[in-house]
Structures are given as structure tokens and as C-alpha cells.
PDB file of all heavy atoms in Angstrom:
ATOM      1  N   THR A   1      62.522 -75.694 -28.811  1.00  0.00           N
ATOM      2  CA  THR A   1      61.658 -76.235 -27.750  1.00  0.00           C
ATOM      3  C   THR A   1      62.450 -76.492 -26.479  1.00  0.00           C
ATOM      4  O   THR A   1      62.007 -76.178 -25.356  1.00  0.00           O
ATOM      5  CB  THR A   1      61.014 -77.575 -28.209  1.00  0.00           C
ATOM      6  OG1 THR A   1      60.192 -77.285 -29.357  1.00  0.00           O
ATOM      7  CG2 THR A   1      60.105 -78.183 -27.123  1.00  0.00           C
ATOM      8  N   ASP A   2      63.648 -77.072 -26.631  1.00  0.00           N
ATOM      9  CA  ASP A   2      64.482 -77.322 -25.452  1.00  0.00           C
ATOM     10  C   ASP A   2      64.860 -76.008 -24.775  1.00  0.00           C
ATOM     11  O   ASP A   2      64.884 -75.920 -23.515  1.00  0.00           O
ATOM     12  CB  ASP A   2      65.774 -78.090 -25.873  1.00  0.00           C
ATOM     13  CG  ASP A   2      65.458 -79.472 -26.374  1.00  0.00           C
ATOM     14  OD1 ASP A   2      64.377 -80.003 -26.059  1.00  0.00           O
ATOM     15  OD2 ASP A   2      66.329 -80.066 -27.061  1.00  0.00           O
ATOM     16  N   ALA A   3      65.139 -74.964 -25.586  1.00  0.00           N
ATOM     17  CA  ALA A   3      65.516 -73.684 -24.962  1.00  0.00           C
ATOM     18  C   ALA A   3      64.350 -73.044 -24.233  1.00  0.00           C
ATOM     19  O   ALA A   3      64.527 -72.475 -23.147  1.00  0.00           O
ATOM     20  CB  ALA A   3      66.024 -72.747 -26.060  1.00  0.00           C
ATOM     21  N   VAL A   4      63.176 -73.167 -24.789  1.00  0.00           N
ATOM     22  CA  VAL A   4      62.013 -72.538 -24.143  1.00  0.00           C
ATOM     23  C   VAL A   4      61.649 -73.266 -22.834  1.00  0.00           C
ATOM     24  O   VAL A   4      61.130 -72.628 -21.874  1.00  0.00           O
ATOM     25  CB  VAL A   4      60.814 -72.544 -25.097  1.00  0.00           C
ATOM     26  CG1 VAL A   4      59.543 -72.151 -24.403  1.00  0.00           C
ATOM     27  CG2 VAL A   4      61.094 -71.560 -26.262  1.00  0.00           C
ATOM     28  N   GLU A   5      61.931 -74.582 -22.708  1.00  0.00           N
ATOM     29  CA  GLU A   5      61.586 -75.332 -21.506  1.00  0.00           C
ATOM     30  C   GLU A   5      62.307 -74.833 -20.283  1.00  0.00           C
ATOM     31  O   GLU A   5      61.887 -75.106 -19.153  1.00  0.00           O
ATOM     32  CB  GLU A   5      61.876 -76.841 -21.754  1.00  0.00           C
ATOM     33  CG  GLU A   5      60.822 -77.533 -22.616  1.00  0.00           C
ATOM     34  CD  GLU A   5      61.103 -78.998 -22.732  1.00  0.00           C
ATOM     35  OE1 GLU A   5      62.179 -79.465 -22.388  1.00  0.00           O
ATOM     36  OE2 GLU A   5      60.144 -79.711 -23.156  1.00  0.00           O
ATOM     37  N   LEU A   6      63.400 -74.087 -20.545  1.00  0.00           N
ATOM     38  CA  LEU A   6      64.125 -73.516 -19.364  1.00  0.00           C
ATOM     39  C   LEU A   6      63.270 -72.474 -18.658  1.00  0.00           C
ATOM     40  O   LEU A   6      63.477 -72.202 -17.464  1.00  0.00           O
ATOM     41  CB  LEU A   6      65.458 -72.891 -19.833  1.00  0.00           C
ATOM     42  CG  LEU A   6      66.456 -73.878 -20.397  1.00  0.00           C
ATOM     43  CD1 LEU A   6      67.700 -73.100 -20.946  1.00  0.00           C
ATOM     44  CD2 LEU A   6      66.902 -74.907 -19.385  1.00  0.00           C
ATOM     45  N   PHE A   7      62.364 -71.880 -19.406  1.00  0.00           N
ATOM     46  CA  PHE A   7      61.466 -70.813 -18.873  1.00  0.00           C
ATOM     47  C   PHE A   7      60.016 -71.236 -18.687  1.00  0.00           C
ATOM     48  O   PHE A   7      59.323 -70.747 -17.831  1.00  0.00           O
ATOM     49  CB  PHE A   7      61.532 -69.582 -19.754  1.00  0.00           C
ATOM     50  CG  PHE A   7      62.942 -69.113 -20.018  1.00  0.00           C
ATOM     51  CD1 PHE A   7      63.641 -69.455 -21.158  1.00  0.00           C
ATOM     52  CD2 PHE A   7      63.555 -68.288 -19.062  1.00  0.00           C
ATOM     53  CE1 PHE A   7      64.889 -69.002 -21.409  1.00  0.00           C
ATOM     54  CE2 PHE A   7      64.861 -67.856 -19.309  1.00  0.00           C
ATOM     55  CZ  PHE A   7      65.503 -68.209 -20.489  1.00  0.00           C
ATOM     56  N   SER A   8      59.550 -72.133 -19.594  1.00  0.00           N
ATOM     57  CA  SER A   8      58.131 -72.518 -19.537  1.00  0.00           C
ATOM     58  C   SER A   8      58.031 -73.921 -20.157  1.00  0.00           C
ATOM     59  O   SER A   8      58.466 -74.149 -21.318  1.00  0.00           O
ATOM     60  CB  SER A   8      57.261 -71.547 -20.380  1.00  0.00           C
ATOM     61  OG  SER A   8      55.909 -71.984 -20.407  1.00  0.00           O
ATOM     62  N   THR A   9      57.417 -74.825 -19.394  1.00  0.00           N
ATOM     63  CA  THR A   9      57.302 -76.184 -19.874  1.00  0.00           C
ATOM     64  C   THR A   9      55.936 -76.470 -20.427  1.00  0.00           C
ATOM     65  O   THR A   9      54.986 -75.734 -20.201  1.00  0.00           O
ATOM     66  CB  THR A   9      57.599 -77.157 -18.704  1.00  0.00           C
ATOM     67  OG1 THR A   9      56.628 -76.958 -17.665  1.00  0.00           O
ATOM     68  CG2 THR A   9      59.025 -76.960 -18.155  1.00  0.00           C
ATOM     69  N   GLY A  10      55.817 -77.589 -21.162  1.00  0.00           N
ATOM     70  CA  GLY A  10      54.529 -78.061 -21.647  1.00  0.00           C
ATOM     71  C   GLY A  10      54.169 -77.590 -23.054  1.00  0.00           C
ATOM     72  O   GLY A  10      53.087 -77.870 -23.543  1.00  0.00           O
ATOM     73  N   ARG A  11      55.071 -76.832 -23.657  1.00  0.00           N
ATOM     74  CA  ARG A  11      54.773 -76.317 -25.007  1.00  0.00           C
ATOM     75  C   ARG A  11      55.927 -76.574 -25.991  1.00  0.00           C
ATOM     76  O   ARG A  11      57.087 -76.492 -25.546  1.00  0.00           O
ATOM     77  CB  ARG A  11      54.441 -74.831 -25.011  1.00  0.00           C
ATOM     78  CG  ARG A  11      53.027 -74.574 -24.457  1.00  0.00           C
ATOM     79  CD  ARG A  11      52.743 -73.096 -24.380  1.00  0.00           C
ATOM     80  NE  ARG A  11      53.247 -72.535 -23.126  1.00  0.00           N
ATOM     81  CZ  ARG A  11      52.947 -71.315 -22.645  1.00  0.00           C
ATOM     82  NH1 ARG A  11      52.174 -70.538 -23.393  1.00  0.00           N
ATOM     83  NH2 ARG A  11      53.420 -70.912 -21.524  1.00  0.00           N
ATOM     84  N   ASP A  12      55.563 -76.956 -27.243  1.00  0.00           N
ATOM     85  CA  ASP A  12      56.573 -77.212 -28.262  1.00  0.00           C
ATOM     86  C   ASP A  12      56.621 -76.095 -29.287  1.00  0.00           C
ATOM     87  O   ASP A  12      55.596 -75.404 -29.562  1.00  0.00           O
ATOM     88  CB  ASP A  12      56.262 -78.525 -29.014  1.00  0.00           C
ATOM     89  CG  ASP A  12      56.353 -79.724 -28.113  1.00  0.00           C
ATOM     90  OD1 ASP A  12      57.079 -79.644 -27.120  1.00  0.00           O
ATOM     91  OD2 ASP A  12      55.640 -80.733 -28.395  1.00  0.00           O
ATOM     92  N   ILE A  13      57.786 -75.879 -29.862  1.00  0.00           N
ATOM     93  CA  ILE A  13      57.964 -74.869 -30.900  1.00  0.00           C
ATOM     94  C   ILE A  13      58.163 -75.601 -32.249  1.00  0.00           C
ATOM     95  O   ILE A  13      58.923 -76.571 -32.307  1.00  0.00           O
ATOM     96  CB  ILE A  13      59.197 -73.998 -30.614  1.00  0.00           C
ATOM     97  CG1 ILE A  13      59.078 -73.329 -29.276  1.00  0.00           C
ATOM     98  CG2 ILE A  13      59.309 -72.937 -31.739  1.00  0.00           C
ATOM     99  CD1 ILE A  13      57.913 -72.450 -29.126  1.00  0.00           C
ATOM    100  N   VAL A  14      57.400 -75.166 -33.255  1.00  0.00           N
ATOM    101  CA  VAL A  14      57.474 -75.802 -34.558  1.00  0.00           C
ATOM    102  C   VAL A  14      57.859 -74.730 -35.631  1.00  0.00           C
ATOM    103  O   VAL A  14      57.188 -73.691 -35.713  1.00  0.00           O
ATOM    104  CB  VAL A  14      56.149 -76.478 -34.984  1.00  0.00           C
ATOM    105  CG1 VAL A  14      56.257 -77.068 -36.401  1.00  0.00           C
ATOM    106  CG2 VAL A  14      55.791 -77.575 -34.002  1.00  0.00           C
ATOM    107  N   VAL A  15      58.910 -74.983 -36.403  1.00  0.00           N
ATOM    108  CA  VAL A  15      59.261 -74.127 -37.513  1.00  0.00           C
ATOM    109  C   VAL A  15      58.990 -74.891 -38.804  1.00  0.00           C
ATOM    110  O   VAL A  15      59.464 -75.989 -38.998  1.00  0.00           O
ATOM    111  CB  VAL A  15      60.755 -73.744 -37.445  1.00  0.00           C
ATOM    112  CG1 VAL A  15      61.106 -72.803 -38.612  1.00  0.00           C
ATOM    113  CG2 VAL A  15      61.081 -73.055 -36.108  1.00  0.00           C
ATOM    114  N   SER A  16      58.170 -74.289 -39.689  1.00  0.00           N
ATOM    115  CA  SER A  16      57.754 -74.960 -40.894  1.00  0.00           C
ATOM    116  C   SER A  16      57.764 -73.995 -42.066  1.00  0.00           C
ATOM    117  O   SER A  16      57.752 -72.776 -41.885  1.00  0.00           O
ATOM    118  CB  SER A  16      56.372 -75.587 -40.760  1.00  0.00           C
ATOM    119  OG  SER A  16      55.440 -74.540 -40.475  1.00  0.00           O
ATOM    120  N   PRO A  17      57.831 -74.505 -43.341  1.00  0.00           N
ATOM    121  CA  PRO A  17      57.829 -73.603 -44.506  1.00  0.00           C
ATOM    122  C   PRO A  17      56.498 -72.849 -44.593  1.00  0.00           C
ATOM    123  O   PRO A  17      55.453 -73.376 -44.259  1.00  0.00           O
ATOM    124  CB  PRO A  17      57.989 -74.566 -45.695  1.00  0.00           C
ATOM    125  CG  PRO A  17      58.468 -75.852 -45.111  1.00  0.00           C
ATOM    126  CD  PRO A  17      57.942 -75.902 -43.713  1.00  0.00           C
ATOM    127  N   VAL A  18      56.600 -71.601 -45.020  1.00  0.00           N
ATOM    128  CA  VAL A  18      55.378 -70.848 -45.266  1.00  0.00           C
ATOM    129  C   VAL A  18      54.729 -71.330 -46.520  1.00  0.00           C
ATOM    130  O   VAL A  18      55.383 -71.461 -47.590  1.00  0.00           O
ATOM    131  CB  VAL A  18      55.660 -69.332 -45.379  1.00  0.00           C
ATOM    132  CG1 VAL A  18      54.437 -68.556 -45.752  1.00  0.00           C
ATOM    133  CG2 VAL A  18      56.248 -68.834 -44.045  1.00  0.00           C
ATOM    134  N   ASP A  19      53.435 -71.621 -46.466  1.00  0.00           N
ATOM    135  CA  ASP A  19      52.724 -72.123 -47.636  1.00  0.00           C
ATOM    136  C   ASP A  19      52.238 -70.916 -48.457  1.00  0.00           C
ATOM    137  O   ASP A  19      51.391 -70.192 -48.039  1.00  0.00           O
ATOM    138  CB  ASP A  19      51.546 -72.990 -47.210  1.00  0.00           C
ATOM    139  CG  ASP A  19      50.857 -73.660 -48.362  1.00  0.00           C
ATOM    140  OD1 ASP A  19      51.464 -73.639 -49.461  1.00  0.00           O
ATOM    141  OD2 ASP A  19      49.716 -74.127 -48.200  1.00  0.00           O
ATOM    142  N   ASN A  20      52.831 -70.740 -49.638  1.00  0.00           N
ATOM    143  CA  ASN A  20      52.421 -69.670 -50.555  1.00  0.00           C
ATOM    144  C   ASN A  20      51.863 -70.277 -51.844  1.00  0.00           C
ATOM    145  O   ASN A  20      52.573 -70.355 -52.858  1.00  0.00           O
ATOM    146  CB  ASN A  20      53.594 -68.749 -50.894  1.00  0.00           C
ATOM    147  CG  ASN A  20      53.982 -67.894 -49.728  1.00  0.00           C
ATOM    148  OD1 ASN A  20      53.147 -67.315 -49.071  1.00  0.00           O
ATOM    149  ND2 ASN A  20      55.284 -67.788 -49.471  1.00  0.00           N
ATOM    150  N   PRO A  21      50.659 -70.821 -51.772  1.00  0.00           N
ATOM    151  CA  PRO A  21      50.104 -71.499 -52.953  1.00  0.00           C
ATOM    152  C   PRO A  21      49.853 -70.518 -54.091  1.00  0.00           C
ATOM    153  O   PRO A  21      49.558 -69.321 -53.856  1.00  0.00           O
ATOM    154  CB  PRO A  21      48.839 -72.095 -52.448  1.00  0.00           C
ATOM    155  CG  PRO A  21      48.392 -71.216 -51.354  1.00  0.00           C
ATOM    156  CD  PRO A  21      49.701 -70.778 -50.681  1.00  0.00           C
ATOM    157  N   TYR A  22      49.987 -70.974 -55.310  1.00  0.00           N
ATOM    158  CA  TYR A  22      49.648 -70.129 -56.473  1.00  0.00           C
ATOM    159  C   TYR A  22      48.149 -69.926 -56.481  1.00  0.00           C
ATOM    160  O   TYR A  22      47.377 -70.872 -56.238  1.00  0.00           O
ATOM    161  CB  TYR A  22      50.069 -70.851 -57.732  1.00  0.00           C
ATOM    162  CG  TYR A  22      51.558 -70.827 -58.018  1.00  0.00           C
ATOM    163  CD1 TYR A  22      52.282 -72.015 -57.980  1.00  0.00           C
ATOM    164  CD2 TYR A  22      52.205 -69.632 -58.279  1.00  0.00           C
ATOM    165  CE1 TYR A  22      53.626 -72.005 -58.217  1.00  0.00           C
ATOM    166  CE2 TYR A  22      53.588 -69.619 -58.499  1.00  0.00           C
ATOM    167  CZ  TYR A  22      54.301 -70.798 -58.473  1.00  0.00           C
ATOM    168  OH  TYR A  22      55.648 -70.820 -58.691  1.00  0.00           O
ATOM    169  N   LYS A  23      47.717 -68.714 -56.708  1.00  0.00           N
ATOM    170  CA  LYS A  23      46.290 -68.450 -56.899  1.00  0.00           C
ATOM    171  C   LYS A  23      45.891 -68.995 -58.259  1.00  0.00           C
ATOM    172  O   LYS A  23      46.625 -68.848 -59.239  1.00  0.00           O
ATOM    173  CB  LYS A  23      46.006 -66.977 -56.830  1.00  0.00           C
ATOM    174  CG  LYS A  23      46.265 -66.387 -55.422  1.00  0.00           C
ATOM    175  CD  LYS A  23      45.923 -64.930 -55.404  1.00  0.00           C
ATOM    176  CE  LYS A  23      46.154 -64.357 -54.027  1.00  0.00           C
ATOM    177  NZ  LYS A  23      45.828 -62.878 -53.947  1.00  0.00           N
ATOM    178  N   PRO A  24      44.742 -69.603 -58.356  1.00  0.00           N
ATOM    179  CA  PRO A  24      44.261 -70.121 -59.628  1.00  0.00           C
ATOM    180  C   PRO A  24      44.268 -69.043 -60.691  1.00  0.00           C
ATOM    181  O   PRO A  24      43.737 -67.975 -60.513  1.00  0.00           O
ATOM    182  CB  PRO A  24      42.871 -70.602 -59.347  1.00  0.00           C
ATOM    183  CG  PRO A  24      42.836 -70.859 -57.873  1.00  0.00           C
ATOM    184  CD  PRO A  24      43.757 -69.866 -57.274  1.00  0.00           C
ATOM    185  N   ALA A  25      44.964 -69.295 -61.778  1.00  0.00           N
ATOM    186  CA  ALA A  25      45.047 -68.333 -62.902  1.00  0.00           C
ATOM    187  C   ALA A  25      44.048 -68.724 -63.980  1.00  0.00           C
ATOM    188  O   ALA A  25      44.087 -69.861 -64.498  1.00  0.00           O
ATOM    189  CB  ALA A  25      46.447 -68.347 -63.459  1.00  0.00           C
ATOM    190  N   LYS A  26      43.113 -67.820 -64.289  1.00  0.00           N
ATOM    191  CA  LYS A  26      42.152 -68.074 -65.350  1.00  0.00           C
ATOM    192  C   LYS A  26      42.669 -67.613 -66.681  1.00  0.00           C
ATOM    193  O   LYS A  26      43.532 -66.723 -66.759  1.00  0.00           O
ATOM    194  CB  LYS A  26      40.818 -67.388 -64.995  1.00  0.00           C
ATOM    195  CG  LYS A  26      40.141 -67.939 -63.769  1.00  0.00           C
ATOM    196  CD  LYS A  26      38.799 -67.264 -63.578  1.00  0.00           C
ATOM    197  CE  LYS A  26      38.098 -67.859 -62.355  1.00  0.00           C
ATOM    198  NZ  LYS A  26      36.751 -67.231 -62.188  1.00  0.00           N
ATOM    199  N   ALA A  27      42.139 -68.196 -67.715  1.00  0.00           N
ATOM    200  CA  ALA A  27      42.512 -67.776 -69.069  1.00  0.00           C
ATOM    201  C   ALA A  27      42.073 -66.336 -69.292  1.00  0.00           C
ATOM    202  O   ALA A  27      40.960 -65.968 -68.987  1.00  0.00           O
ATOM    203  CB  ALA A  27      41.897 -68.688 -70.098  1.00  0.00           C
ATOM    204  N   SER A  28      42.956 -65.522 -69.782  1.00  0.00           N
ATOM    205  CA  SER A  28      42.622 -64.111 -70.076  1.00  0.00           C
ATOM    206  C   SER A  28      43.288 -63.726 -71.403  1.00  0.00           C
ATOM    207  O   SER A  28      44.170 -64.383 -71.927  1.00  0.00           O
ATOM    208  CB  SER A  28      43.118 -63.181 -68.940  1.00  0.00           C
ATOM    209  OG  SER A  28      44.485 -63.284 -68.799  1.00  0.00           O
ATOM    210  N   PHE A  29      42.835 -62.593 -71.930  1.00  0.00           N
ATOM    211  CA  PHE A  29      43.236 -62.207 -73.290  1.00  0.00           C
ATOM    212  C   PHE A  29      43.493 -60.724 -73.320  1.00  0.00           C
ATOM    213  O   PHE A  29      43.081 -59.941 -72.468  1.00  0.00           O
ATOM    214  CB  PHE A  29      42.091 -62.540 -74.301  1.00  0.00           C
ATOM    215  CG  PHE A  29      41.664 -63.986 -74.186  1.00  0.00           C
ATOM    216  CD1 PHE A  29      40.643 -64.329 -73.321  1.00  0.00           C
ATOM    217  CD2 PHE A  29      42.295 -64.984 -74.919  1.00  0.00           C
ATOM    218  CE1 PHE A  29      40.202 -65.629 -73.222  1.00  0.00           C
ATOM    219  CE2 PHE A  29      41.884 -66.293 -74.811  1.00  0.00           C
ATOM    220  CZ  PHE A  29      40.827 -66.628 -73.953  1.00  0.00           C
ATOM    221  N   LYS A  30      44.263 -60.278 -74.320  1.00  0.00           N
ATOM    222  CA  LYS A  30      44.535 -58.866 -74.507  1.00  0.00           C
ATOM    223  C   LYS A  30      44.282 -58.482 -75.972  1.00  0.00           C
ATOM    224  O   LYS A  30      44.287 -59.349 -76.879  1.00  0.00           O
ATOM    225  CB  LYS A  30      45.971 -58.506 -74.114  1.00  0.00           C
ATOM    226  CG  LYS A  30      47.015 -59.090 -75.042  1.00  0.00           C
ATOM    227  CD  LYS A  30      48.418 -58.562 -74.687  1.00  0.00           C
ATOM    228  CE  LYS A  30      49.450 -59.059 -75.705  1.00  0.00           C
ATOM    229  NZ  LYS A  30      50.781 -58.522 -75.418  1.00  0.00           N
ATOM    230  N   VAL A  31      44.129 -57.194 -76.218  1.00  0.00           N
ATOM    231  CA  VAL A  31      43.984 -56.714 -77.588  1.00  0.00           C
ATOM    232  C   VAL A  31      45.156 -55.799 -77.920  1.00  0.00           C
ATOM    233  O   VAL A  31      45.529 -54.950 -77.105  1.00  0.00           O
ATOM    234  CB  VAL A  31      42.681 -55.873 -77.734  1.00  0.00           C
ATOM    235  CG1 VAL A  31      42.544 -55.316 -79.143  1.00  0.00           C
ATOM    236  CG2 VAL A  31      41.453 -56.760 -77.366  1.00  0.00           C
ATOM    237  N   SER A  32      45.765 -55.967 -79.058  1.00  0.00           N
ATOM    238  CA  SER A  32      46.841 -55.143 -79.500  1.00  0.00           C
ATOM    239  C   SER A  32      46.650 -54.859 -81.027  1.00  0.00           C
ATOM    240  O   SER A  32      45.804 -55.472 -81.670  1.00  0.00           O
ATOM    241  CB  SER A  32      48.204 -55.732 -79.221  1.00  0.00           C
ATOM    242  OG  SER A  32      48.278 -57.015 -79.844  1.00  0.00           O
ATOM    243  N   VAL A  33      47.453 -53.953 -81.523  1.00  0.00           N
ATOM    244  CA  VAL A  33      47.366 -53.546 -82.878  1.00  0.00           C
ATOM    245  C   VAL A  33      48.698 -53.850 -83.596  1.00  0.00           C
ATOM    246  O   VAL A  33      49.770 -53.447 -83.088  1.00  0.00           O
ATOM    247  CB  VAL A  33      47.023 -52.043 -83.050  1.00  0.00           C
ATOM    248  CG1 VAL A  33      46.974 -51.671 -84.521  1.00  0.00           C
ATOM    249  CG2 VAL A  33      45.691 -51.756 -82.376  1.00  0.00           C
ATOM    250  N   VAL A  34      48.660 -54.568 -84.699  1.00  0.00           N
ATOM    251  CA  VAL A  34      49.864 -54.832 -85.492  1.00  0.00           C
ATOM    252  C   VAL A  34      49.879 -53.946 -86.682  1.00  0.00           C
ATOM    253  O   VAL A  34      49.014 -54.008 -87.545  1.00  0.00           O
ATOM    254  CB  VAL A  34      49.936 -56.318 -85.926  1.00  0.00           C
ATOM    255  CG1 VAL A  34      51.186 -56.533 -86.769  1.00  0.00           C
ATOM    256  CG2 VAL A  34      49.884 -57.245 -84.722  1.00  0.00           C
ATOM    257  N   ASP A  35      50.823 -53.001 -86.695  1.00  0.00           N
ATOM    258  CA  ASP A  35      50.974 -52.026 -87.800  1.00  0.00           C
ATOM    259  C   ASP A  35      52.311 -52.297 -88.468  1.00  0.00           C
ATOM    260  O   ASP A  35      53.361 -51.909 -87.963  1.00  0.00           O
ATOM    261  CB  ASP A  35      50.915 -50.622 -87.253  1.00  0.00           C
ATOM    262  CG  ASP A  35      50.827 -49.576 -88.349  1.00  0.00           C
ATOM    263  OD1 ASP A  35      50.892 -49.959 -89.502  1.00  0.00           O
ATOM    264  OD2 ASP A  35      50.698 -48.395 -88.021  1.00  0.00           O
ATOM    265  N   GLY A  36      52.262 -52.987 -89.610  1.00  0.00           N
ATOM    266  CA  GLY A  36      53.492 -53.385 -90.249  1.00  0.00           C
ATOM    267  C   GLY A  36      54.165 -54.494 -89.437  1.00  0.00           C
ATOM    268  O   GLY A  36      53.609 -55.534 -89.237  1.00  0.00           O
ATOM    269  N   LEU A  37      55.354 -54.219 -88.949  1.00  0.00           N
ATOM    270  CA  LEU A  37      56.105 -55.197 -88.150  1.00  0.00           C
ATOM    271  C   LEU A  37      56.034 -54.883 -86.652  1.00  0.00           C
ATOM    272  O   LEU A  37      56.629 -55.590 -85.850  1.00  0.00           O
ATOM    273  CB  LEU A  37      57.557 -55.222 -88.616  1.00  0.00           C
ATOM    274  CG  LEU A  37      57.805 -55.670 -90.049  1.00  0.00           C
ATOM    275  CD1 LEU A  37      59.272 -55.579 -90.400  1.00  0.00           C
ATOM    276  CD2 LEU A  37      57.268 -57.051 -90.327  1.00  0.00           C
ATOM    277  N   VAL A  38      55.328 -53.822 -86.321  1.00  0.00           N
ATOM    278  CA  VAL A  38      55.281 -53.370 -84.923  1.00  0.00           C
ATOM    279  C   VAL A  38      53.945 -53.711 -84.293  1.00  0.00           C
ATOM    280  O   VAL A  38      52.912 -53.414 -84.857  1.00  0.00           O
ATOM    281  CB  VAL A  38      55.529 -51.845 -84.838  1.00  0.00           C
ATOM    282  CG1 VAL A  38      55.507 -51.394 -83.406  1.00  0.00           C
ATOM    283  CG2 VAL A  38      56.885 -51.518 -85.497  1.00  0.00           C
ATOM    284  N   GLU A  39      53.968 -54.286 -83.128  1.00  0.00           N
ATOM    285  CA  GLU A  39      52.763 -54.547 -82.350  1.00  0.00           C
ATOM    286  C   GLU A  39      52.704 -53.596 -81.133  1.00  0.00           C
ATOM    287  O   GLU A  39      53.643 -53.528 -80.373  1.00  0.00           O
ATOM    288  CB  GLU A  39      52.738 -55.984 -81.838  1.00  0.00           C
ATOM    289  CG  GLU A  39      51.503 -56.359 -81.036  1.00  0.00           C
ATOM    290  CD  GLU A  39      51.476 -57.822 -80.651  1.00  0.00           C
ATOM    291  OE1 GLU A  39      52.207 -58.653 -81.262  1.00  0.00           O
ATOM    292  OE2 GLU A  39      50.660 -58.156 -79.786  1.00  0.00           O
TER     293      GLU A  39
END
């Protein structure tokens, strides 16, 4: 902000963490085949 005021006044610069929220994960299922000891 201080550096920018040398060229343009009246505005502030803010650096903040990017918000990357987890998307809601719904319960889901899969089908597989167990043949002996192998799935």
C-alpha cells in the first residue's frame, strides 16, 4: 500500500489466503468382485 501511494493515493492493497473450501462429499459406494483372495 505504501509503495502504491507513490503513484496513486486513496487505495489500499490487501494480501490474504485463498479460500479453497472442501466441496461437500456425499456418501458413495462401489461394486467389486472378490475371487478367492483377490478383489
